[in-house]
PDB file of N, CA and C in Angstrom:
ATOM      1  N   UNK A   1     -96.484-106.057 -55.571  1.00  0.00           N
ATOM      2  CA  UNK A   1     -95.144-105.825 -55.088  1.00  0.00           C
ATOM      3  C   UNK A   1     -95.125-104.523 -54.286  1.00  0.00           C
ATOM      4  N   UNK A   2     -94.552-104.565 -53.120  1.00  0.00           N
ATOM      5  CA  UNK A   2     -94.507-103.394 -52.250  1.00  0.00           C
ATOM      6  C   UNK A   2     -93.699-102.261 -52.885  1.00  0.00           C
ATOM      7  N   UNK A   3     -93.967-101.057 -52.396  1.00  0.00           N
ATOM      8  CA  UNK A   3     -93.221 -99.874 -52.823  1.00  0.00           C
ATOM      9  C   UNK A   3     -92.983 -99.006 -51.597  1.00  0.00           C
ATOM     10  N   UNK A   4     -91.999 -98.141 -51.705  1.00  0.00           N
ATOM     11  CA  UNK A   4     -91.591 -97.324 -50.566  1.00  0.00           C
ATOM     12  C   UNK A   4     -91.390 -95.874 -50.970  1.00  0.00           C
ATOM     13  N   UNK A   5     -91.880 -94.981 -50.118  1.00  0.00           N
ATOM     14  CA  UNK A   5     -91.497 -93.574 -50.218  1.00  0.00           C
ATOM     15  C   UNK A   5     -90.238 -93.447 -49.381  1.00  0.00           C
ATOM     16  N   UNK A   6     -89.244 -92.802 -49.936  1.00  0.00           N
ATOM     17  CA  UNK A   6     -88.049 -92.450 -49.177  1.00  0.00           C
ATOM     18  C   UNK A   6     -87.941 -90.933 -49.269  1.00  0.00           C
ATOM     19  N   UNK A   7     -87.994 -90.285 -48.127  1.00  0.00           N
ATOM     20  CA  UNK A   7     -87.979 -88.824 -48.111  1.00  0.00           C
ATOM     21  C   UNK A   7     -86.886 -88.315 -47.182  1.00  0.00           C
ATOM     22  N   UNK A   8     -86.235 -87.255 -47.622  1.00  0.00           N
ATOM     23  CA  UNK A   8     -85.265 -86.531 -46.796  1.00  0.00           C
ATOM     24  C   UNK A   8     -85.762 -85.099 -46.713  1.00  0.00           C
ATOM     25  N   UNK A   9     -85.859 -84.591 -45.503  1.00  0.00           N
ATOM     26  CA  UNK A   9     -86.483 -83.285 -45.286  1.00  0.00           C
ATOM     27  C   UNK A   9     -85.643 -82.447 -44.337  1.00  0.00           C
ATOM     28  N   UNK A  10     -85.457 -81.190 -44.702  1.00  0.00           N
ATOM     29  CA  UNK A  10     -84.862 -80.189 -43.820  1.00  0.00           C
ATOM     30  C   UNK A  10     -85.909 -79.110 -43.586  1.00  0.00           C
ATOM     31  N   UNK A  11     -86.250 -78.898 -42.342  1.00  0.00           N
ATOM     32  CA  UNK A  11     -87.332 -77.988 -41.965  1.00  0.00           C
ATOM     33  C   UNK A  11     -86.752 -76.651 -41.509  1.00  0.00           C
ATOM     34  N   UNK A  12     -87.255 -75.553 -42.089  1.00  0.00           N
ATOM     35  CA  UNK A  12     -86.793 -74.225 -41.681  1.00  0.00           C
ATOM     36  C   UNK A  12     -87.806 -73.501 -40.800  1.00  0.00           C
ATOM     37  N   UNK A  13     -89.064 -73.961 -40.801  1.00  0.00           N
ATOM     38  CA  UNK A  13     -90.103 -73.341 -39.976  1.00  0.00           C
ATOM     39  C   UNK A  13     -90.948 -74.446 -39.334  1.00  0.00           C
ATOM     40  N   UNK A  14     -90.530 -74.936 -38.158  1.00  0.00           N
ATOM     41  CA  UNK A  14     -91.244 -76.047 -37.522  1.00  0.00           C
ATOM     42  C   UNK A  14     -92.715 -75.758 -37.226  1.00  0.00           C
ATOM     43  N   UNK A  15     -93.050 -74.509 -36.911  1.00  0.00           N
ATOM     44  CA  UNK A  15     -94.451 -74.186 -36.616  1.00  0.00           C
ATOM     45  C   UNK A  15     -95.338 -74.428 -37.832  1.00  0.00           C
ATOM     46  N   UNK A  16     -94.922 -73.939 -38.988  1.00  0.00           N
ATOM     47  CA  UNK A  16     -95.710 -74.139 -40.209  1.00  0.00           C
ATOM     48  C   UNK A  16     -95.658 -75.599 -40.654  1.00  0.00           C
ATOM     49  N   UNK A  17     -94.522 -76.243 -40.479  1.00  0.00           N
ATOM     50  CA  UNK A  17     -94.375 -77.648 -40.865  1.00  0.00           C
ATOM     51  C   UNK A  17     -95.318 -78.543 -40.067  1.00  0.00           C
ATOM     52  N   UNK A  18     -95.640 -78.141 -38.866  1.00  0.00           N
ATOM     53  CA  UNK A  18     -96.564 -78.930 -38.040  1.00  0.00           C
ATOM     54  C   UNK A  18     -97.926 -79.068 -38.717  1.00  0.00           C
ATOM     55  N   UNK A  19     -98.283 -78.124 -39.557  1.00  0.00           N
ATOM     56  CA  UNK A  19     -99.544 -78.212 -40.300  1.00  0.00           C
ATOM     57  C   UNK A  19     -99.465 -79.332 -41.339  1.00  0.00           C
ATOM     58  N   UNK A  20     -98.321 -79.490 -41.980  1.00  0.00           N
ATOM     59  CA  UNK A  20     -98.105 -80.615 -42.891  1.00  0.00           C
ATOM     60  C   UNK A  20     -98.250 -81.934 -42.128  1.00  0.00           C
ATOM     61  N   UNK A  21     -97.618 -82.016 -40.965  1.00  0.00           N
ATOM     62  CA  UNK A  21     -97.672 -83.238 -40.152  1.00  0.00           C
ATOM     63  C   UNK A  21     -99.103 -83.541 -39.715  1.00  0.00           C
ATOM     64  N   UNK A  22     -99.895 -82.521 -39.493  1.00  0.00           N
ATOM     65  CA  UNK A  22    -101.295 -82.720 -39.098  1.00  0.00           C
ATOM     66  C   UNK A  22    -102.130 -83.256 -40.259  1.00  0.00           C
ATOM     67  N   UNK A  23    -101.858 -82.797 -41.486  1.00  0.00           N
ATOM     68  CA  UNK A  23    -102.692 -83.142 -42.639  1.00  0.00           C
ATOM     69  C   UNK A  23    -102.264 -84.415 -43.372  1.00  0.00           C
ATOM     70  N   UNK A  24    -100.984 -84.681 -43.455  1.00  0.00           N
ATOM     71  CA  UNK A  24    -100.485 -85.792 -44.272  1.00  0.00           C
ATOM     72  C   UNK A  24    -101.012 -87.174 -43.874  1.00  0.00           C
ATOM     73  N   UNK A  25    -101.209 -87.479 -42.589  1.00  0.00           N
ATOM     74  CA  UNK A  25    -101.675 -88.819 -42.231  1.00  0.00           C
ATOM     75  C   UNK A  25    -103.002 -89.235 -42.877  1.00  0.00           C
ATOM     76  N   UNK A  26    -103.858 -88.307 -43.238  1.00  0.00           N
ATOM     77  CA  UNK A  26    -105.118 -88.665 -43.900  1.00  0.00           C
ATOM     78  C   UNK A  26    -104.847 -89.344 -45.236  1.00  0.00           C
ATOM     79  N   UNK A  27    -103.893 -88.838 -45.991  1.00  0.00           N
ATOM     80  CA  UNK A  27    -103.541 -89.458 -47.275  1.00  0.00           C
ATOM     81  C   UNK A  27    -102.895 -90.808 -47.049  1.00  0.00           C
ATOM     82  N   UNK A  28    -102.001 -90.897 -46.074  1.00  0.00           N
ATOM     83  CA  UNK A  28    -101.322 -92.160 -45.807  1.00  0.00           C
ATOM     84  C   UNK A  28    -102.323 -93.239 -45.394  1.00  0.00           C
ATOM     85  N   UNK A  29    -103.271 -92.887 -44.560  1.00  0.00           N
ATOM     86  CA  UNK A  29    -104.289 -93.856 -44.121  1.00  0.00           C
ATOM     87  C   UNK A  29    -105.155 -94.306 -45.295  1.00  0.00           C
ATOM     88  N   UNK A  30    -105.540 -93.385 -46.137  1.00  0.00           N
ATOM     89  CA  UNK A  30    -106.403 -93.697 -47.287  1.00  0.00           C
ATOM     90  C   UNK A  30    -105.745 -94.722 -48.214  1.00  0.00           C
ATOM     91  N   UNK A  31    -104.427 -94.684 -48.328  1.00  0.00           N
ATOM     92  CA  UNK A  31    -103.711 -95.566 -49.252  1.00  0.00           C
ATOM     93  C   UNK A  31    -102.976 -96.710 -48.547  1.00  0.00           C
ATOM     94  N   UNK A  32    -103.315 -96.955 -47.294  1.00  0.00           N
ATOM     95  CA  UNK A  32    -102.773 -98.101 -46.579  1.00  0.00           C
ATOM     96  C   UNK A  32    -101.294 -98.033 -46.269  1.00  0.00           C
ATOM     97  N   UNK A  33    -100.757 -96.843 -46.119  1.00  0.00           N
ATOM     98  CA  UNK A  33     -99.325 -96.671 -45.862  1.00  0.00           C
ATOM     99  C   UNK A  33     -98.956 -97.113 -44.450  1.00  0.00           C
ATOM    100  N   UNK A  34     -97.726 -97.601 -44.313  1.00  0.00           N
ATOM    101  CA  UNK A  34     -97.182 -97.970 -43.018  1.00  0.00           C
ATOM    102  C   UNK A  34     -95.849 -97.257 -42.828  1.00  0.00           C
ATOM    103  N   UNK A  35     -95.755 -96.483 -41.755  1.00  0.00           N
ATOM    104  CA  UNK A  35     -94.509 -95.771 -41.448  1.00  0.00           C
ATOM    105  C   UNK A  35     -93.473 -96.777 -40.956  1.00  0.00           C
ATOM    106  N   UNK A  36     -92.323 -96.802 -41.602  1.00  0.00           N
ATOM    107  CA  UNK A  36     -91.234 -97.672 -41.178  1.00  0.00           C
ATOM    108  C   UNK A  36     -90.138 -96.889 -40.457  1.00  0.00           C
ATOM    109  N   UNK A  37     -89.931 -95.663 -40.857  1.00  0.00           N
ATOM    110  CA  UNK A  37     -88.958 -94.774 -40.209  1.00  0.00           C
ATOM    111  C   UNK A  37     -89.453 -93.347 -40.382  1.00  0.00           C
ATOM    112  N   UNK A  38     -89.315 -92.559 -39.304  1.00  0.00           N
ATOM    113  CA  UNK A  38     -89.770 -91.171 -39.403  1.00  0.00           C
ATOM    114  C   UNK A  38     -89.004 -90.307 -38.411  1.00  0.00           C
ATOM    115  N   UNK A  39     -87.963 -89.652 -38.922  1.00  0.00           N
ATOM    116  CA  UNK A  39     -87.271 -88.647 -38.135  1.00  0.00           C
ATOM    117  C   UNK A  39     -86.381 -89.166 -37.021  1.00  0.00           C
ATOM    118  N   UNK A  40     -86.099 -90.454 -36.985  1.00  0.00           N
ATOM    119  CA  UNK A  40     -85.226 -90.983 -35.940  1.00  0.00           C
ATOM    120  C   UNK A  40     -83.763 -90.670 -36.201  1.00  0.00           C
ATOM    121  N   UNK A  41     -82.934 -91.218 -35.383  1.00  0.00           N
ATOM    122  CA  UNK A  41     -81.493 -90.990 -35.485  1.00  0.00           C
ATOM    123  C   UNK A  41     -80.983 -91.512 -36.828  1.00  0.00           C
ATOM    124  N   UNK A  42     -80.104 -90.749 -37.478  1.00  0.00           N
ATOM    125  CA  UNK A  42     -79.522 -91.167 -38.751  1.00  0.00           C
ATOM    126  C   UNK A  42     -78.137 -90.552 -38.907  1.00  0.00           C
ATOM    127  N   UNK A  43     -77.374 -91.146 -39.807  1.00  0.00           N
ATOM    128  CA  UNK A  43     -76.025 -90.659 -40.077  1.00  0.00           C
ATOM    129  C   UNK A  43     -75.693 -90.934 -41.533  1.00  0.00           C
ATOM    130  N   UNK A  44     -75.261 -89.920 -42.253  1.00  0.00           N
ATOM    131  CA  UNK A  44     -74.843 -90.089 -43.640  1.00  0.00           C
ATOM    132  C   UNK A  44     -73.438 -90.679 -43.655  1.00  0.00           C
ATOM    133  N   UNK A  45     -73.300 -91.832 -44.298  1.00  0.00           N
ATOM    134  CA  UNK A  45     -71.993 -92.476 -44.383  1.00  0.00           C
ATOM    135  C   UNK A  45     -71.329 -92.220 -45.725  1.00  0.00           C
ATOM    136  N   UNK A  46     -72.131 -91.912 -46.743  1.00  0.00           N
ATOM    137  CA  UNK A  46     -71.615 -91.549 -48.060  1.00  0.00           C
ATOM    138  C   UNK A  46     -72.565 -90.519 -48.655  1.00  0.00           C
ATOM    139  N   UNK A  47     -72.067 -89.701 -49.566  1.00  0.00           N
ATOM    140  CA  UNK A  47     -72.932 -88.762 -50.266  1.00  0.00           C
ATOM    141  C   UNK A  47     -73.204 -87.502 -49.472  1.00  0.00           C
ATOM    142  N   UNK A  48     -74.417 -87.013 -49.626  1.00  0.00           N
ATOM    143  CA  UNK A  48     -74.809 -85.740 -49.016  1.00  0.00           C
ATOM    144  C   UNK A  48     -74.856 -85.793 -47.494  1.00  0.00           C
ATOM    145  N   UNK A  49     -74.926 -84.628 -46.900  1.00  0.00           N
ATOM    146  CA  UNK A  49     -75.029 -84.518 -45.446  1.00  0.00           C
ATOM    147  C   UNK A  49     -76.359 -85.109 -44.967  1.00  0.00           C
ATOM    148  N   UNK A  50     -76.380 -85.537 -43.742  1.00  0.00           N
ATOM    149  CA  UNK A  50     -77.584 -86.101 -43.147  1.00  0.00           C
ATOM    150  C   UNK A  50     -78.677 -85.038 -43.065  1.00  0.00           C
ATOM    151  N   UNK A  51     -79.877 -85.331 -43.596  1.00  0.00           N
ATOM    152  CA  UNK A  51     -80.985 -84.372 -43.467  1.00  0.00           C
ATOM    153  C   UNK A  51     -81.509 -84.369 -42.029  1.00  0.00           C
ATOM    154  N   UNK A  52     -82.275 -83.347 -41.690  1.00  0.00           N
ATOM    155  CA  UNK A  52     -82.882 -83.291 -40.362  1.00  0.00           C
ATOM    156  C   UNK A  52     -83.827 -84.466 -40.134  1.00  0.00           C
ATOM    157  N   UNK A  53     -84.588 -84.818 -41.167  1.00  0.00           N
ATOM    158  CA  UNK A  53     -85.570 -85.904 -41.051  1.00  0.00           C
ATOM    159  C   UNK A  53     -85.422 -86.852 -42.231  1.00  0.00           C
ATOM    160  N   UNK A  54     -85.414 -88.138 -41.944  1.00  0.00           N
ATOM    161  CA  UNK A  54     -85.484 -89.159 -42.981  1.00  0.00           C
ATOM    162  C   UNK A  54     -86.740 -89.971 -42.714  1.00  0.00           C
ATOM    163  N   UNK A  55     -87.474 -90.278 -43.788  1.00  0.00           N
ATOM    164  CA  UNK A  55     -88.750 -90.967 -43.653  1.00  0.00           C
ATOM    165  C   UNK A  55     -88.804 -92.109 -44.660  1.00  0.00           C
ATOM    166  N   UNK A  56     -89.284 -93.277 -44.215  1.00  0.00           N
ATOM    167  CA  UNK A  56     -89.522 -94.408 -45.099  1.00  0.00           C
ATOM    168  C   UNK A  56     -90.949 -94.877 -44.839  1.00  0.00           C
ATOM    169  N   UNK A  57     -91.751 -94.929 -45.912  1.00  0.00           N
ATOM    170  CA  UNK A  57     -93.155 -95.319 -45.803  1.00  0.00           C
ATOM    171  C   UNK A  57     -93.397 -96.468 -46.771  1.00  0.00           C
ATOM    172  N   UNK A  58     -94.019 -97.529 -46.285  1.00  0.00           N
ATOM    173  CA  UNK A  58     -94.289 -98.707 -47.101  1.00  0.00           C
ATOM    174  C   UNK A  58     -95.735 -98.702 -47.610  1.00  0.00           C
ATOM    175  N   UNK A  59     -95.899 -99.085 -48.874  1.00  0.00           N
ATOM    176  CA  UNK A  59     -97.214 -99.238 -49.508  1.00  0.00           C
ATOM    177  C   UNK A  59     -97.305-100.643 -50.076  1.00  0.00           C
ATOM    178  N   UNK A  60     -98.509-101.138 -50.257  1.00  0.00           N
ATOM    179  CA  UNK A  60     -98.692-102.481 -50.812  1.00  0.00           C
ATOM    180  C   UNK A  60     -98.315-102.573 -52.279  1.00  0.00           C
ATOM    181  N   UNK A  61     -98.316-101.429 -52.991  1.00  0.00           N
ATOM    182  CA  UNK A  61     -97.960-101.453 -54.411  1.00  0.00           C
ATOM    183  C   UNK A  61     -97.394-100.102 -54.833  1.00  0.00           C
ATOM    184  N   UNK A  62     -96.681-100.131 -55.941  1.00  0.00           N
ATOM    185  CA  UNK A  62     -96.134 -98.904 -56.531  1.00  0.00           C
ATOM    186  C   UNK A  62     -97.274 -97.961 -56.908  1.00  0.00           C
ATOM    187  N   UNK A  63     -98.349 -98.546 -57.447  1.00  0.00           N
ATOM    188  CA  UNK A  63     -99.499 -97.731 -57.879  1.00  0.00           C
ATOM    189  C   UNK A  63    -100.127 -96.998 -56.698  1.00  0.00           C
ATOM    190  N   UNK A  64    -100.227 -97.661 -55.541  1.00  0.00           N
ATOM    191  CA  UNK A  64    -100.776 -96.990 -54.355  1.00  0.00           C
ATOM    192  C   UNK A  64     -99.864 -95.861 -53.895  1.00  0.00           C
ATOM    193  N   UNK A  65     -98.566 -96.093 -53.940  1.00  0.00           N
ATOM    194  CA  UNK A  65     -97.616 -95.063 -53.510  1.00  0.00           C
ATOM    195  C   UNK A  65     -97.725 -93.822 -54.395  1.00  0.00           C
ATOM    196  N   UNK A  66     -97.807 -94.040 -55.697  1.00  0.00           N
ATOM    197  CA  UNK A  66     -97.943 -92.925 -56.641  1.00  0.00           C
ATOM    198  C   UNK A  66     -99.291 -92.220 -56.443  1.00  0.00           C
ATOM    199  N   UNK A  67    -100.362 -93.005 -56.305  1.00  0.00           N
ATOM    200  CA  UNK A  67    -101.698 -92.424 -56.122  1.00  0.00           C
ATOM    201  C   UNK A  67    -101.763 -91.597 -54.846  1.00  0.00           C
ATOM    202  N   UNK A  68    -101.125 -92.067 -53.797  1.00  0.00           N
ATOM    203  CA  UNK A  68    -101.105 -91.314 -52.541  1.00  0.00           C
ATOM    204  C   UNK A  68    -100.448 -89.958 -52.744  1.00  0.00           C
ATOM    205  N   UNK A  69     -99.286 -89.959 -53.399  1.00  0.00           N
ATOM    206  CA  UNK A  69     -98.576 -88.697 -53.618  1.00  0.00           C
ATOM    207  C   UNK A  69     -99.427 -87.704 -54.401  1.00  0.00           C
ATOM    208  N   UNK A  70    -100.130 -88.179 -55.405  1.00  0.00           N
ATOM    209  CA  UNK A  70    -100.919 -87.286 -56.263  1.00  0.00           C
ATOM    210  C   UNK A  70    -102.324 -87.020 -55.737  1.00  0.00           C
ATOM    211  N   UNK A  71    -102.694 -87.625 -54.630  1.00  0.00           N
ATOM    212  CA  UNK A  71    -104.048 -87.460 -54.090  1.00  0.00           C
ATOM    213  C   UNK A  71    -104.291 -86.023 -53.627  1.00  0.00           C
ATOM    214  N   UNK A  72    -105.543 -85.646 -53.628  1.00  0.00           N
ATOM    215  CA  UNK A  72    -105.932 -84.316 -53.139  1.00  0.00           C
ATOM    216  C   UNK A  72    -105.517 -84.140 -51.682  1.00  0.00           C
ATOM    217  N   UNK A  73    -105.647 -85.204 -50.896  1.00  0.00           N
ATOM    218  CA  UNK A  73    -105.301 -85.122 -49.474  1.00  0.00           C
ATOM    219  C   UNK A  73    -103.815 -84.827 -49.282  1.00  0.00           C
ATOM    220  N   UNK A  74    -102.967 -85.531 -50.033  1.00  0.00           N
ATOM    221  CA  UNK A  74    -101.536 -85.307 -49.860  1.00  0.00           C
ATOM    222  C   UNK A  74    -101.116 -83.955 -50.441  1.00  0.00           C
ATOM    223  N   UNK A  75    -101.674 -83.589 -51.552  1.00  0.00           N
ATOM    224  CA  UNK A  75    -101.316 -82.305 -52.156  1.00  0.00           C
ATOM    225  C   UNK A  75    -101.700 -81.138 -51.246  1.00  0.00           C
ATOM    226  N   UNK A  76    -102.794 -81.292 -50.501  1.00  0.00           N
ATOM    227  CA  UNK A  76    -103.181 -80.258 -49.529  1.00  0.00           C
ATOM    228  C   UNK A  76    -102.117 -80.171 -48.424  1.00  0.00           C
ATOM    229  N   UNK A  77    -101.670 -81.324 -47.939  1.00  0.00           N
ATOM    230  CA  UNK A  77    -100.625 -81.336 -46.910  1.00  0.00           C
ATOM    231  C   UNK A  77     -99.324 -80.761 -47.457  1.00  0.00           C
ATOM    232  N   UNK A  78     -98.950 -81.192 -48.652  1.00  0.00           N
ATOM    233  CA  UNK A  78     -97.706 -80.745 -49.290  1.00  0.00           C
ATOM    234  C   UNK A  78     -97.675 -79.224 -49.444  1.00  0.00           C
ATOM    235  N   UNK A  79     -98.815 -78.631 -49.735  1.00  0.00           N
ATOM    236  CA  UNK A  79     -98.890 -77.174 -49.878  1.00  0.00           C
ATOM    237  C   UNK A  79     -98.467 -76.472 -48.588  1.00  0.00           C
ATOM    238  N   UNK A  80     -98.715 -77.095 -47.443  1.00  0.00           N
ATOM    239  CA  UNK A  80     -98.323 -76.514 -46.157  1.00  0.00           C
ATOM    240  C   UNK A  80     -96.820 -76.632 -45.911  1.00  0.00           C
ATOM    241  N   UNK A  81     -96.183 -77.561 -46.599  1.00  0.00           N
ATOM    242  CA  UNK A  81     -94.746 -77.786 -46.448  1.00  0.00           C
ATOM    243  C   UNK A  81     -93.931 -76.833 -47.323  1.00  0.00           C
ATOM    244  N   UNK A  82     -94.524 -76.393 -48.416  1.00  0.00           N
ATOM    245  CA  UNK A  82     -93.799 -75.562 -49.377  1.00  0.00           C
ATOM    246  C   UNK A  82     -93.364 -74.244 -48.756  1.00  0.00           C
ATOM    247  N   UNK A  83     -92.103 -73.925 -48.949  1.00  0.00           N
ATOM    248  CA  UNK A  83     -91.552 -72.680 -48.431  1.00  0.00           C
ATOM    249  C   UNK A  83     -91.047 -72.771 -47.002  1.00  0.00           C
ATOM    250  N   UNK A  84     -91.356 -73.879 -46.299  1.00  0.00           N
ATOM    251  CA  UNK A  84     -90.915 -74.020 -44.912  1.00  0.00           C
ATOM    252  C   UNK A  84     -90.063 -75.271 -44.702  1.00  0.00           C
ATOM    253  N   UNK A  85     -89.894 -76.047 -45.784  1.00  0.00           N
ATOM    254  CA  UNK A  85     -89.062 -77.246 -45.704  1.00  0.00           C
ATOM    255  C   UNK A  85     -88.583 -77.607 -47.103  1.00  0.00           C
ATOM    256  N   UNK A  86     -87.355 -78.083 -47.181  1.00  0.00           N
ATOM    257  CA  UNK A  86     -86.822 -78.630 -48.430  1.00  0.00           C
ATOM    258  C   UNK A  86     -86.959 -80.140 -48.343  1.00  0.00           C
ATOM    259  N   UNK A  87     -87.604 -80.731 -49.356  1.00  0.00           N
ATOM    260  CA  UNK A  87     -87.835 -82.179 -49.315  1.00  0.00           C
ATOM    261  C   UNK A  87     -87.417 -82.837 -50.615  1.00  0.00           C
ATOM    262  N   UNK A  88     -86.876 -84.021 -50.495  1.00  0.00           N
ATOM    263  CA  UNK A  88     -86.635 -84.917 -51.622  1.00  0.00           C
ATOM    264  C   UNK A  88     -87.504 -86.139 -51.352  1.00  0.00           C
ATOM    265  N   UNK A  89     -88.366 -86.491 -52.285  1.00  0.00           N
ATOM    266  CA  UNK A  89     -89.234 -87.653 -52.123  1.00  0.00           C
ATOM    267  C   UNK A  89     -89.017 -88.567 -53.328  1.00  0.00           C
ATOM    268  N   UNK A  90     -88.680 -89.806 -53.046  1.00  0.00           N
ATOM    269  CA  UNK A  90     -88.454 -90.809 -54.074  1.00  0.00           C
ATOM    270  C   UNK A  90     -89.390 -91.974 -53.790  1.00  0.00           C
ATOM    271  N   UNK A  91     -90.007 -92.507 -54.826  1.00  0.00           N
ATOM    272  CA  UNK A  91     -90.808 -93.705 -54.675  1.00  0.00           C
ATOM    273  C   UNK A  91     -90.072 -94.823 -55.401  1.00  0.00           C
ATOM    274  N   UNK A  92     -89.837 -95.924 -54.674  1.00  0.00           N
ATOM    275  CA  UNK A  92     -89.079 -97.031 -55.233  1.00  0.00           C
ATOM    276  C   UNK A  92     -89.868 -98.326 -55.049  1.00  0.00           C
ATOM    277  N   UNK A  93     -89.873 -99.145 -56.095  1.00  0.00           N
ATOM    278  CA  UNK A  93     -90.558-100.427 -56.037  1.00  0.00           C
ATOM    279  C   UNK A  93     -89.676-101.427 -55.301  1.00  0.00           C
ATOM    280  N   UNK A  94     -90.300-102.217 -54.440  1.00  0.00           N
ATOM    281  CA  UNK A  94     -89.570-103.221 -53.671  1.00  0.00           C
ATOM    282  C   UNK A  94     -89.292-104.473 -54.480  1.00  0.00           C
ATOM    283  N   UNK A  95     -88.668-105.433 -53.843  1.00  0.00           N
ATOM    284  CA  UNK A  95     -88.342-106.713 -54.483  1.00  0.00           C
ATOM    285  C   UNK A  95     -89.469-107.705 -54.287  1.00  0.00           C
TER     286      UNK A  95
END
């Protein structure tokens, strides 16, 4: 059953965040991730304000999505994001 990362990100230092963007694709490729949405136009219709970036990533399984997040490759990328962006990342199992 497919699973999805849903992330909302507000970036305060685009220069440093670019290092996260450079490193993260290695983890996504390793776990067969497919980008469905990344930073395009969005509008909050209910709830919190619209984040600067919204991201949806598809995985073949919940286990792959979790493994990707905890992988050494992703954790290295995530370390570059810390302190320069506020992120909410949720992994949800599909139907």
